[in-house]
C-alpha atoms as a PDB file:
ATOM      1  CA  UNK A   1     173.627  42.431  27.555  1.00  0.00           C
ATOM      2  CA  UNK A   2     171.662  43.511  24.495  1.00  0.00           C
ATOM      3  CA  UNK A   3     167.963  42.757  24.180  1.00  0.00           C
ATOM      4  CA  UNK A   4     165.690  42.130  21.245  1.00  0.00           C
ATOM      5  CA  UNK A   5     163.078  44.883  21.501  1.00  0.00           C
ATOM      6  CA  UNK A   6     159.882  45.715  19.639  1.00  0.00           C
ATOM      7  CA  UNK A   7     158.508  49.260  19.667  1.00  0.00           C
ATOM      8  CA  UNK A   8     154.937  49.763  18.491  1.00  0.00           C
ATOM      9  CA  UNK A   9     154.781  53.449  17.653  1.00  0.00           C
ATOM     10  CA  UNK A  10     158.421  54.476  17.268  1.00  0.00           C
ATOM     11  CA  UNK A  11     158.439  57.000  14.433  1.00  0.00           C
ATOM     12  CA  UNK A  12     157.573  60.289  16.132  1.00  0.00           C
ATOM     13  CA  UNK A  13     157.846  62.301  19.344  1.00  0.00           C
ATOM     14  CA  UNK A  14     158.290  60.124  22.457  1.00  0.00           C
ATOM     15  CA  UNK A  15     158.492  56.868  20.501  1.00  0.00           C
ATOM     16  CA  UNK A  16     161.301  58.211  18.342  1.00  0.00           C
ATOM     17  CA  UNK A  17     163.213  59.421  21.401  1.00  0.00           C
ATOM     18  CA  UNK A  18     162.757  55.997  23.010  1.00  0.00           C
ATOM     19  CA  UNK A  19     164.187  54.232  19.953  1.00  0.00           C
ATOM     20  CA  UNK A  20     167.196  56.573  20.028  1.00  0.00           C
ATOM     21  CA  UNK A  21     167.913  55.579  23.609  1.00  0.00           C
ATOM     22  CA  UNK A  22     167.522  51.873  22.902  1.00  0.00           C
ATOM     23  CA  UNK A  23     169.942  52.057  19.986  1.00  0.00           C
ATOM     24  CA  UNK A  24     172.432  54.092  21.994  1.00  0.00           C
ATOM     25  CA  UNK A  25     172.400  51.339  24.620  1.00  0.00           C
ATOM     26  CA  UNK A  26     173.219  48.707  21.989  1.00  0.00           C
ATOM     27  CA  UNK A  27     169.875  46.911  21.773  1.00  0.00           C
ATOM     28  CA  UNK A  28     168.394  45.346  18.665  1.00  0.00           C
ATOM     29  CA  UNK A  29     165.260  47.319  17.768  1.00  0.00           C
ATOM     30  CA  UNK A  30     162.318  46.523  15.514  1.00  0.00           C
ATOM     31  CA  UNK A  31     159.535  49.039  15.042  1.00  0.00           C
ATOM     32  CA  UNK A  32     155.981  48.482  13.866  1.00  0.00           C
ATOM     33  CA  UNK A  33     154.913  51.240  11.499  1.00  0.00           C
ATOM     34  CA  UNK A  34     152.140  51.813   9.015  1.00  0.00           C
ATOM     35  CA  UNK A  35     154.736  53.427   6.800  1.00  0.00           C
ATOM     36  CA  UNK A  36     153.208  56.902   6.818  1.00  0.00           C
ATOM     37  CA  UNK A  37     155.830  58.648   8.960  1.00  0.00           C
ATOM     38  CA  UNK A  38     159.557  58.642   8.130  1.00  0.00           C
ATOM     39  CA  UNK A  39     162.180  57.915  10.749  1.00  0.00           C
ATOM     40  CA  UNK A  40     165.892  58.823  10.950  1.00  0.00           C
ATOM     41  CA  UNK A  41     167.239  55.412  11.933  1.00  0.00           C
ATOM     42  CA  UNK A  42     168.234  53.972   8.557  1.00  0.00           C
ATOM     43  CA  UNK A  43     169.686  50.484   8.680  1.00  0.00           C
ATOM     44  CA  UNK A  44     170.131  50.581  12.461  1.00  0.00           C
ATOM     45  CA  UNK A  45     166.635  49.184  13.016  1.00  0.00           C
ATOM     46  CA  UNK A  46     164.290  46.644  11.511  1.00  0.00           C
ATOM     47  CA  UNK A  47     160.884  47.841  10.298  1.00  0.00           C
ATOM     48  CA  UNK A  48     157.701  45.854   9.934  1.00  0.00           C
ATOM     49  CA  UNK A  49     154.850  47.551   8.139  1.00  0.00           C
ATOM     50  CA  UNK A  50     151.629  46.710   9.945  1.00  0.00           C
ATOM     51  CA  UNK A  51     148.490  48.294  11.330  1.00  0.00           C
ATOM     52  CA  UNK A  52     148.426  47.944  15.135  1.00  0.00           C
ATOM     53  CA  UNK A  53     144.680  47.292  14.921  1.00  0.00           C
ATOM     54  CA  UNK A  54     144.942  44.440  12.410  1.00  0.00           C
ATOM     55  CA  UNK A  55     145.315  41.188  14.316  1.00  0.00           C
ATOM     56  CA  UNK A  56     146.581  39.135  11.375  1.00  0.00           C
ATOM     57  CA  UNK A  57     149.248  41.750  10.691  1.00  0.00           C
ATOM     58  CA  UNK A  58     150.291  41.783  14.347  1.00  0.00           C
ATOM     59  CA  UNK A  59     150.575  38.004  14.428  1.00  0.00           C
ATOM     60  CA  UNK A  60     153.010  38.315  11.526  1.00  0.00           C
ATOM     61  CA  UNK A  61     154.954  40.856  13.614  1.00  0.00           C
ATOM     62  CA  UNK A  62     155.223  38.364  16.483  1.00  0.00           C
ATOM     63  CA  UNK A  63     156.918  35.870  14.170  1.00  0.00           C
ATOM     64  CA  UNK A  64     159.897  38.231  14.028  1.00  0.00           C
ATOM     65  CA  UNK A  65     160.430  37.545  17.750  1.00  0.00           C
ATOM     66  CA  UNK A  66     160.582  36.342  20.371  1.00  0.00           C
ATOM     67  CA  UNK A  67     161.119  39.747  21.942  1.00  0.00           C
ATOM     68  CA  UNK A  68     162.614  40.456  25.323  1.00  0.00           C
ATOM     69  CA  UNK A  69     160.599  43.673  25.611  1.00  0.00           C
ATOM     70  CA  UNK A  70     157.619  45.111  23.766  1.00  0.00           C
ATOM     71  CA  UNK A  71     156.962  48.825  24.163  1.00  0.00           C
ATOM     72  CA  UNK A  72     153.353  49.422  23.117  1.00  0.00           C
ATOM     73  CA  UNK A  73     152.772  53.126  22.522  1.00  0.00           C
ATOM     74  CA  UNK A  74     149.612  52.506  20.507  1.00  0.00           C
ATOM     75  CA  UNK A  75     147.304  50.537  22.805  1.00  0.00           C
ATOM     76  CA  UNK A  76     144.234  52.764  22.983  1.00  0.00           C
ATOM     77  CA  UNK A  77     141.327  50.424  23.691  1.00  0.00           C
ATOM     78  CA  UNK A  78     140.340  47.002  25.038  1.00  0.00           C
ATOM     79  CA  UNK A  79     140.220  45.796  21.428  1.00  0.00           C
ATOM     80  CA  UNK A  80     143.879  46.751  21.026  1.00  0.00           C
ATOM     81  CA  UNK A  81     144.656  45.055  24.341  1.00  0.00           C
ATOM     82  CA  UNK A  82     142.921  41.860  23.228  1.00  0.00           C
ATOM     83  CA  UNK A  83     145.018  41.801  20.052  1.00  0.00           C
ATOM     84  CA  UNK A  84     148.151  42.239  22.177  1.00  0.00           C
ATOM     85  CA  UNK A  85     147.217  39.269  24.360  1.00  0.00           C
ATOM     86  CA  UNK A  86     146.405  36.964  21.461  1.00  0.00           C
ATOM     87  CA  UNK A  87     149.568  38.042  19.656  1.00  0.00           C
ATOM     88  CA  UNK A  88     152.216  38.189  22.359  1.00  0.00           C
ATOM     89  CA  UNK A  89     151.138  35.975  25.280  1.00  0.00           C
ATOM     90  CA  UNK A  90     154.010  33.596  26.003  1.00  0.00           C
ATOM     91  CA  UNK A  91     156.186  35.343  23.395  1.00  0.00           C
ATOM     92  CA  UNK A  92     157.644  38.291  25.336  1.00  0.00           C
ATOM     93  CA  UNK A  93     159.673  38.789  28.474  1.00  0.00           C
ATOM     94  CA  UNK A  94     158.178  42.176  29.364  1.00  0.00           C
ATOM     95  CA  UNK A  95     155.254  44.184  28.010  1.00  0.00           C
ATOM     96  CA  UNK A  96     155.312  47.942  28.598  1.00  0.00           C
ATOM     97  CA  UNK A  97     151.975  49.533  27.726  1.00  0.00           C
ATOM     98  CA  UNK A  98     152.176  53.306  27.899  1.00  0.00           C
ATOM     99  CA  UNK A  99     149.231  54.705  29.846  1.00  0.00           C
ATOM    100  CA  UNK A 100     148.407  58.204  31.013  1.00  0.00           C
ATOM    101  CA  UNK A 101     147.704  60.472  33.966  1.00  0.00           C
ATOM    102  CA  UNK A 102     144.296  60.961  32.342  1.00  0.00           C
ATOM    103  CA  UNK A 103     143.320  57.490  33.530  1.00  0.00           C
ATOM    104  CA  UNK A 104     142.708  59.074  36.949  1.00  0.00           C
ATOM    105  CA  UNK A 105     139.927  61.219  35.492  1.00  0.00           C
ATOM    106  CA  UNK A 106     137.744  58.177  36.188  1.00  0.00           C
ATOM    107  CA  UNK A 107     137.986  59.129  39.877  1.00  0.00           C
ATOM    108  CA  UNK A 108     136.493  62.578  39.334  1.00  0.00           C
ATOM    109  CA  UNK A 109     137.954  65.838  40.600  1.00  0.00           C
ATOM    110  CA  UNK A 110     136.662  65.973  44.150  1.00  0.00           C
ATOM    111  CA  UNK A 111     139.507  63.959  45.685  1.00  0.00           C
ATOM    112  CA  UNK A 112     142.202  65.647  47.741  1.00  0.00           C
ATOM    113  CA  UNK A 113     145.890  64.770  47.719  1.00  0.00           C
ATOM    114  CA  UNK A 114     148.251  63.143  45.270  1.00  0.00           C
ATOM    115  CA  UNK A 115     147.119  60.353  42.985  1.00  0.00           C
ATOM    116  CA  UNK A 116     148.583  56.965  43.859  1.00  0.00           C
ATOM    117  CA  UNK A 117     148.568  53.965  41.536  1.00  0.00           C
ATOM    118  CA  UNK A 118     146.317  51.987  43.890  1.00  0.00           C
ATOM    119  CA  UNK A 119     143.683  54.751  43.922  1.00  0.00           C
ATOM    120  CA  UNK A 120     142.413  53.513  40.570  1.00  0.00           C
ATOM    121  CA  UNK A 121     141.029  49.993  40.979  1.00  0.00           C
ATOM    122  CA  UNK A 122     141.898  49.122  37.420  1.00  0.00           C
ATOM    123  CA  UNK A 123     140.857  45.474  37.634  1.00  0.00           C
ATOM    124  CA  UNK A 124     137.324  46.562  38.605  1.00  0.00           C
ATOM    125  CA  UNK A 125     136.784  48.836  35.602  1.00  0.00           C
ATOM    126  CA  UNK A 126     134.010  47.807  33.217  1.00  0.00           C
ATOM    127  CA  UNK A 127     135.018  46.769  29.699  1.00  0.00           C
ATOM    128  CA  UNK A 128     132.807  47.620  26.734  1.00  0.00           C
ATOM    129  CA  UNK A 129     133.873  45.408  23.840  1.00  0.00           C
ATOM    130  CA  UNK A 130     130.914  46.565  21.739  1.00  0.00           C
ATOM    131  CA  UNK A 131     131.879  50.243  21.582  1.00  0.00           C
ATOM    132  CA  UNK A 132     133.230  51.369  18.152  1.00  0.00           C
ATOM    133  CA  UNK A 133     136.713  52.010  19.512  1.00  0.00           C
ATOM    134  CA  UNK A 134     138.352  52.069  16.107  1.00  0.00           C
ATOM    135  CA  UNK A 135     136.063  54.728  14.658  1.00  0.00           C
ATOM    136  CA  UNK A 136     138.491  57.622  13.957  1.00  0.00           C
ATOM    137  CA  UNK A 137     135.697  60.131  14.500  1.00  0.00           C
ATOM    138  CA  UNK A 138     135.571  59.078  18.165  1.00  0.00           C
ATOM    139  CA  UNK A 139     139.303  59.009  18.852  1.00  0.00           C
ATOM    140  CA  UNK A 140     139.306  62.095  21.078  1.00  0.00           C
ATOM    141  CA  UNK A 141     136.120  61.419  23.007  1.00  0.00           C
ATOM    142  CA  UNK A 142     137.076  57.846  23.879  1.00  0.00           C
ATOM    143  CA  UNK A 143     140.781  58.396  24.639  1.00  0.00           C
ATOM    144  CA  UNK A 144     140.519  58.297  28.441  1.00  0.00           C
ATOM    145  CA  UNK A 145     138.019  55.442  28.697  1.00  0.00           C
ATOM    146  CA  UNK A 146     139.922  53.544  26.013  1.00  0.00           C
ATOM    147  CA  UNK A 147     143.205  53.729  27.911  1.00  0.00           C
ATOM    148  CA  UNK A 148     141.558  52.711  31.173  1.00  0.00           C
ATOM    149  CA  UNK A 149     139.770  49.772  29.600  1.00  0.00           C
ATOM    150  CA  UNK A 150     142.934  48.678  27.794  1.00  0.00           C
ATOM    151  CA  UNK A 151     144.728  48.581  31.131  1.00  0.00           C
ATOM    152  CA  UNK A 152     141.808  46.749  32.722  1.00  0.00           C
ATOM    153  CA  UNK A 153     141.711  44.119  29.984  1.00  0.00           C
ATOM    154  CA  UNK A 154     145.441  43.400  30.193  1.00  0.00           C
ATOM    155  CA  UNK A 155     145.405  43.185  33.994  1.00  0.00           C
ATOM    156  CA  UNK A 156     142.361  40.930  34.195  1.00  0.00           C
ATOM    157  CA  UNK A 157     143.517  38.668  31.381  1.00  0.00           C
ATOM    158  CA  UNK A 158     146.884  38.344  33.101  1.00  0.00           C
ATOM    159  CA  UNK A 159     148.958  36.483  30.523  1.00  0.00           C
ATOM    160  CA  UNK A 160     151.437  39.278  29.708  1.00  0.00           C
ATOM    161  CA  UNK A 161     154.289  40.325  32.052  1.00  0.00           C
ATOM    162  CA  UNK A 162     152.774  43.790  32.211  1.00  0.00           C
ATOM    163  CA  UNK A 163     153.904  47.181  33.400  1.00  0.00           C
ATOM    164  CA  UNK A 164     151.797  50.268  32.714  1.00  0.00           C
ATOM    165  CA  UNK A 165     153.595  53.598  33.128  1.00  0.00           C
ATOM    166  CA  UNK A 166     150.985  56.287  33.758  1.00  0.00           C
ATOM    167  CA  UNK A 167     152.687  59.259  32.204  1.00  0.00           C
ATOM    168  CA  UNK A 168     152.168  62.904  33.119  1.00  0.00           C
ATOM    169  CA  UNK A 169     151.157  65.360  30.415  1.00  0.00           C
ATOM    170  CA  UNK A 170     154.112  65.891  28.110  1.00  0.00           C
ATOM    171  CA  UNK A 171     155.281  69.383  27.222  1.00  0.00           C
ATOM    172  CA  UNK A 172     157.652  69.271  24.272  1.00  0.00           C
ATOM    173  CA  UNK A 173     159.271  71.841  22.037  1.00  0.00           C
ATOM    174  CA  UNK A 174     158.086  72.772  18.539  1.00  0.00           C
ATOM    175  CA  UNK A 175     158.122  69.082  17.602  1.00  0.00           C
ATOM    176  CA  UNK A 176     155.219  68.525  20.015  1.00  0.00           C
ATOM    177  CA  UNK A 177     152.370  67.785  17.616  1.00  0.00           C
ATOM    178  CA  UNK A 178     149.716  68.280  20.317  1.00  0.00           C
ATOM    179  CA  UNK A 179     150.174  72.065  20.234  1.00  0.00           C
ATOM    180  CA  UNK A 180     149.148  72.404  23.868  1.00  0.00           C
ATOM    181  CA  UNK A 181     152.011  74.522  25.185  1.00  0.00           C
ATOM    182  CA  UNK A 182     152.070  76.400  21.878  1.00  0.00           C
ATOM    183  CA  UNK A 183     148.472  77.388  22.605  1.00  0.00           C
ATOM    184  CA  UNK A 184     149.526  79.353  25.683  1.00  0.00           C
ATOM    185  CA  UNK A 185     152.487  80.976  23.938  1.00  0.00           C
ATOM    186  CA  UNK A 186     150.330  82.118  21.044  1.00  0.00           C
ATOM    187  CA  UNK A 187     147.650  83.345  23.466  1.00  0.00           C
ATOM    188  CA  UNK A 188     150.218  85.446  25.347  1.00  0.00           C
ATOM    189  CA  UNK A 189     151.743  86.891  22.184  1.00  0.00           C
ATOM    190  CA  UNK A 190     148.281  87.855  20.963  1.00  0.00           C
ATOM    191  CA  UNK A 191     147.522  89.605  24.259  1.00  0.00           C
ATOM    192  CA  UNK A 192     144.449  87.422  24.687  1.00  0.00           C
ATOM    193  CA  UNK A 193     142.651  86.628  27.930  1.00  0.00           C
ATOM    194  CA  UNK A 194     142.917  83.145  29.403  1.00  0.00           C
ATOM    195  CA  UNK A 195     139.595  81.876  30.715  1.00  0.00           C
ATOM    196  CA  UNK A 196     140.203  79.335  33.456  1.00  0.00           C
ATOM    197  CA  UNK A 197     138.189  77.231  35.885  1.00  0.00           C
ATOM    198  CA  UNK A 198     140.257  77.082  39.053  1.00  0.00           C
ATOM    199  CA  UNK A 199     143.494  78.845  39.919  1.00  0.00           C
ATOM    200  CA  UNK A 200     145.053  76.032  41.959  1.00  0.00           C
ATOM    201  CA  UNK A 201     143.905  72.996  39.921  1.00  0.00           C
ATOM    202  CA  UNK A 202     147.459  71.759  39.344  1.00  0.00           C
ATOM    203  CA  UNK A 203     148.410  69.112  36.781  1.00  0.00           C
ATOM    204  CA  UNK A 204     151.545  66.943  36.507  1.00  0.00           C
ATOM    205  CA  UNK A 205     153.951  67.494  33.611  1.00  0.00           C
ATOM    206  CA  UNK A 206     157.157  66.127  32.134  1.00  0.00           C
ATOM    207  CA  UNK A 207     159.208  66.646  28.970  1.00  0.00           C
ATOM    208  CA  UNK A 208     159.250  64.292  26.002  1.00  0.00           C
ATOM    209  CA  UNK A 209     162.870  63.470  26.819  1.00  0.00           C
ATOM    210  CA  UNK A 210     161.966  62.695  30.434  1.00  0.00           C
ATOM    211  CA  UNK A 211     159.128  60.472  29.212  1.00  0.00           C
ATOM    212  CA  UNK A 212     161.458  58.567  26.886  1.00  0.00           C
ATOM    213  CA  UNK A 213     164.060  58.221  29.647  1.00  0.00           C
ATOM    214  CA  UNK A 214     161.481  56.801  32.034  1.00  0.00           C
ATOM    215  CA  UNK A 215     160.102  54.337  29.482  1.00  0.00           C
ATOM    216  CA  UNK A 216     163.623  53.148  28.691  1.00  0.00           C
ATOM    217  CA  UNK A 217     164.389  52.679  32.383  1.00  0.00           C
ATOM    218  CA  UNK A 218     161.081  50.916  33.007  1.00  0.00           C
ATOM    219  CA  UNK A 219     161.728  48.455  30.209  1.00  0.00           C
ATOM    220  CA  UNK A 220     165.029  47.410  31.764  1.00  0.00           C
ATOM    221  CA  UNK A 221     163.551  46.705  35.225  1.00  0.00           C
ATOM    222  CA  UNK A 222     161.644  43.647  36.433  1.00  0.00           C
ATOM    223  CA  UNK A 223     158.745  45.118  38.448  1.00  0.00           C
ATOM    224  CA  UNK A 224     155.192  44.900  37.144  1.00  0.00           C
ATOM    225  CA  UNK A 225     151.951  46.827  37.533  1.00  0.00           C
ATOM    226  CA  UNK A 226     151.117  50.517  37.183  1.00  0.00           C
ATOM    227  CA  UNK A 227     153.728  53.159  37.938  1.00  0.00           C
ATOM    228  CA  UNK A 228     153.300  56.931  37.873  1.00  0.00           C
ATOM    229  CA  UNK A 229     155.783  59.161  36.063  1.00  0.00           C
ATOM    230  CA  UNK A 230     155.998  62.955  36.424  1.00  0.00           C
ATOM    231  CA  UNK A 231     158.419  65.725  37.154  1.00  0.00           C
ATOM    232  CA  UNK A 232     158.001  67.508  40.456  1.00  0.00           C
ATOM    233  CA  UNK A 233     156.427  70.951  40.308  1.00  0.00           C
ATOM    234  CA  UNK A 234     152.847  70.606  39.063  1.00  0.00           C
ATOM    235  CA  UNK A 235     151.126  73.662  37.569  1.00  0.00           C
ATOM    236  CA  UNK A 236     147.549  74.689  36.872  1.00  0.00           C
ATOM    237  CA  UNK A 237     146.528  76.151  33.512  1.00  0.00           C
ATOM    238  CA  UNK A 238     146.364  79.525  35.263  1.00  0.00           C
ATOM    239  CA  UNK A 239     149.892  79.210  36.672  1.00  0.00           C
ATOM    240  CA  UNK A 240     151.242  77.888  33.379  1.00  0.00           C
ATOM    241  CA  UNK A 241     149.897  80.929  31.537  1.00  0.00           C
ATOM    242  CA  UNK A 242     151.398  83.230  34.155  1.00  0.00           C
ATOM    243  CA  UNK A 243     154.731  81.463  33.700  1.00  0.00           C
ATOM    244  CA  UNK A 244     154.546  81.929  29.934  1.00  0.00           C
ATOM    245  CA  UNK A 245     153.961  85.652  30.475  1.00  0.00           C
ATOM    246  CA  UNK A 246     156.932  85.920  32.829  1.00  0.00           C
ATOM    247  CA  UNK A 247     159.288  84.112  30.463  1.00  0.00           C
ATOM    248  CA  UNK A 248     158.209  86.131  27.426  1.00  0.00           C
ATOM    249  CA  UNK A 249     158.009  89.392  29.395  1.00  0.00           C
ATOM    250  CA  UNK A 250     154.474  89.753  28.086  1.00  0.00           C
ATOM    251  CA  UNK A 251     151.625  90.983  30.298  1.00  0.00           C
ATOM    252  CA  UNK A 252     148.931  88.306  30.408  1.00  0.00           C
ATOM    253  CA  UNK A 253     145.273  88.635  31.266  1.00  0.00           C
ATOM    254  CA  UNK A 254     143.171  86.010  32.976  1.00  0.00           C
ATOM    255  CA  UNK A 255     139.507  85.639  33.840  1.00  0.00           C
ATOM    256  CA  UNK A 256     137.912  83.007  35.998  1.00  0.00           C
ATOM    257  CA  UNK A 257     134.685  81.528  34.657  1.00  0.00           C
ATOM    258  CA  UNK A 258     132.222  78.889  35.786  1.00  0.00           C
ATOM    259  CA  UNK A 259     133.928  75.483  35.440  1.00  0.00           C
ATOM    260  CA  UNK A 260     132.944  73.704  32.278  1.00  0.00           C
ATOM    261  CA  UNK A 261     131.211  70.341  32.358  1.00  0.00           C
ATOM    262  CA  UNK A 262     133.935  69.149  29.974  1.00  0.00           C
ATOM    263  CA  UNK A 263     137.400  69.311  31.609  1.00  0.00           C
ATOM    264  CA  UNK A 264     139.973  70.986  29.383  1.00  0.00           C
ATOM    265  CA  UNK A 265     137.407  72.646  27.119  1.00  0.00           C
ATOM    266  CA  UNK A 266     138.503  76.180  28.064  1.00  0.00           C
ATOM    267  CA  UNK A 267     142.164  75.522  27.274  1.00  0.00           C
ATOM    268  CA  UNK A 268     144.558  72.573  27.469  1.00  0.00           C
ATOM    269  CA  UNK A 269     145.113  71.377  31.038  1.00  0.00           C
ATOM    270  CA  UNK A 270     142.238  73.454  32.433  1.00  0.00           C
ATOM    271  CA  UNK A 271     140.540  71.233  35.006  1.00  0.00           C
ATOM    272  CA  UNK A 272     137.936  71.688  37.749  1.00  0.00           C
ATOM    273  CA  UNK A 273     140.287  70.054  40.255  1.00  0.00           C
ATOM    274  CA  UNK A 274     143.908  69.039  40.755  1.00  0.00           C
ATOM    275  CA  UNK A 275     145.362  65.964  39.079  1.00  0.00           C
ATOM    276  CA  UNK A 276     148.868  65.529  40.491  1.00  0.00           C
ATOM    277  CA  UNK A 277     150.677  62.205  40.407  1.00  0.00           C
ATOM    278  CA  UNK A 278     152.320  60.598  43.419  1.00  0.00           C
ATOM    279  CA  UNK A 279     155.640  59.286  42.062  1.00  0.00           C
ATOM    280  CA  UNK A 280     156.810  57.629  45.280  1.00  0.00           C
ATOM    281  CA  UNK A 281     156.621  54.117  43.795  1.00  0.00           C
ATOM    282  CA  UNK A 282     159.001  54.963  40.939  1.00  0.00           C
ATOM    283  CA  UNK A 283     161.326  56.775  43.352  1.00  0.00           C
ATOM    284  CA  UNK A 284     161.321  53.801  45.738  1.00  0.00           C
ATOM    285  CA  UNK A 285     162.256  51.569  42.810  1.00  0.00           C
ATOM    286  CA  UNK A 286     165.276  53.774  42.172  1.00  0.00           C
ATOM    287  CA  UNK A 287     164.174  56.373  39.633  1.00  0.00           C
ATOM    288  CA  UNK A 288     164.820  60.089  40.080  1.00  0.00           C
ATOM    289  CA  UNK A 289     162.597  62.698  38.420  1.00  0.00           C
ATOM    290  CA  UNK A 290     163.570  66.290  37.796  1.00  0.00           C
ATOM    291  CA  UNK A 291     161.557  69.453  38.446  1.00  0.00           C
ATOM    292  CA  UNK A 292     159.590  71.544  35.960  1.00  0.00           C
ATOM    293  CA  UNK A 293     161.703  74.570  36.937  1.00  0.00           C
ATOM    294  CA  UNK A 294     164.685  72.895  35.256  1.00  0.00           C
ATOM    295  CA  UNK A 295     163.198  72.899  31.752  1.00  0.00           C
ATOM    296  CA  UNK A 296     159.900  74.768  31.447  1.00  0.00           C
ATOM    297  CA  UNK A 297     161.270  78.243  30.689  1.00  0.00           C
ATOM    298  CA  UNK A 298     163.533  76.900  27.943  1.00  0.00           C
ATOM    299  CA  UNK A 299     160.664  74.940  26.403  1.00  0.00           C
ATOM    300  CA  UNK A 300     158.456  78.042  26.412  1.00  0.00           C
ATOM    301  CA  UNK A 301     161.189  80.018  24.624  1.00  0.00           C
ATOM    302  CA  UNK A 302     161.484  77.283  22.006  1.00  0.00           C
ATOM    303  CA  UNK A 303     157.801  77.674  21.192  1.00  0.00           C
ATOM    304  CA  UNK A 304     158.131  81.436  21.109  1.00  0.00           C
ATOM    305  CA  UNK A 305     160.930  81.207  18.544  1.00  0.00           C
ATOM    306  CA  UNK A 306     158.756  78.936  16.424  1.00  0.00           C
ATOM    307  CA  UNK A 307     155.818  81.344  16.810  1.00  0.00           C
ATOM    308  CA  UNK A 308     157.732  84.456  15.701  1.00  0.00           C
END
């Protein structure tokens, strides 16, 4: 049975892949867009031009409902979460707010073992409504705390049928605007030395297609709460760079340095400790993740082709 679905953030990367899957399954899809990025969907979708951070505009979006599912790819702060509550409470059947593995940074890097959803007491996190969350100059520095506080606000307020997928770091092909895997490919091709903090500080990954598949599946289920999503086979920045060298048949050089006070400042995914997701909840609910060995080499080669 088809559903009426709203996607906030459906014009690029994972959001675009999610919309493709929803359309392929026969659902009616509306996207919220500021109109800056084109999309390939033509008349197959409805578009509403609105700024996710403008509450009046979002209330106008809600009038196009009611929606069976809202996929919110653009909820980055407690202010965004508050707008979602005031806009969609009582108007949606399921609210999927995309979160991130980075939420677990709040726990520090001294913990051992896999990260379970319950490890992060999200309802106990402090919320700072006075912080200038919407200042674009602070977008990077407040990303992690913003996501955590958005989750906390939605959970404590409690009026949305909420599920929060905590997604592993996404490694995409040349369309990946983050440039994180491209960084390692370019470093290897330049014969540069990777400076790293800790050889075995593994991180969870998945592809953009795997992320879109999981979001689609999550939307069609009826469970609520946080749920981790990641492919098996976590890698540290050190191991990822070694893998790039193996795939490209390029000798790579590495040098361990004193861990930085700012995780990830040496290179993308460089951390002072492991951050690997426990995906047993998703698996128990019936979802099957793949392994990084199934796609990583191909993705590296895609970046190398783009580089040369």
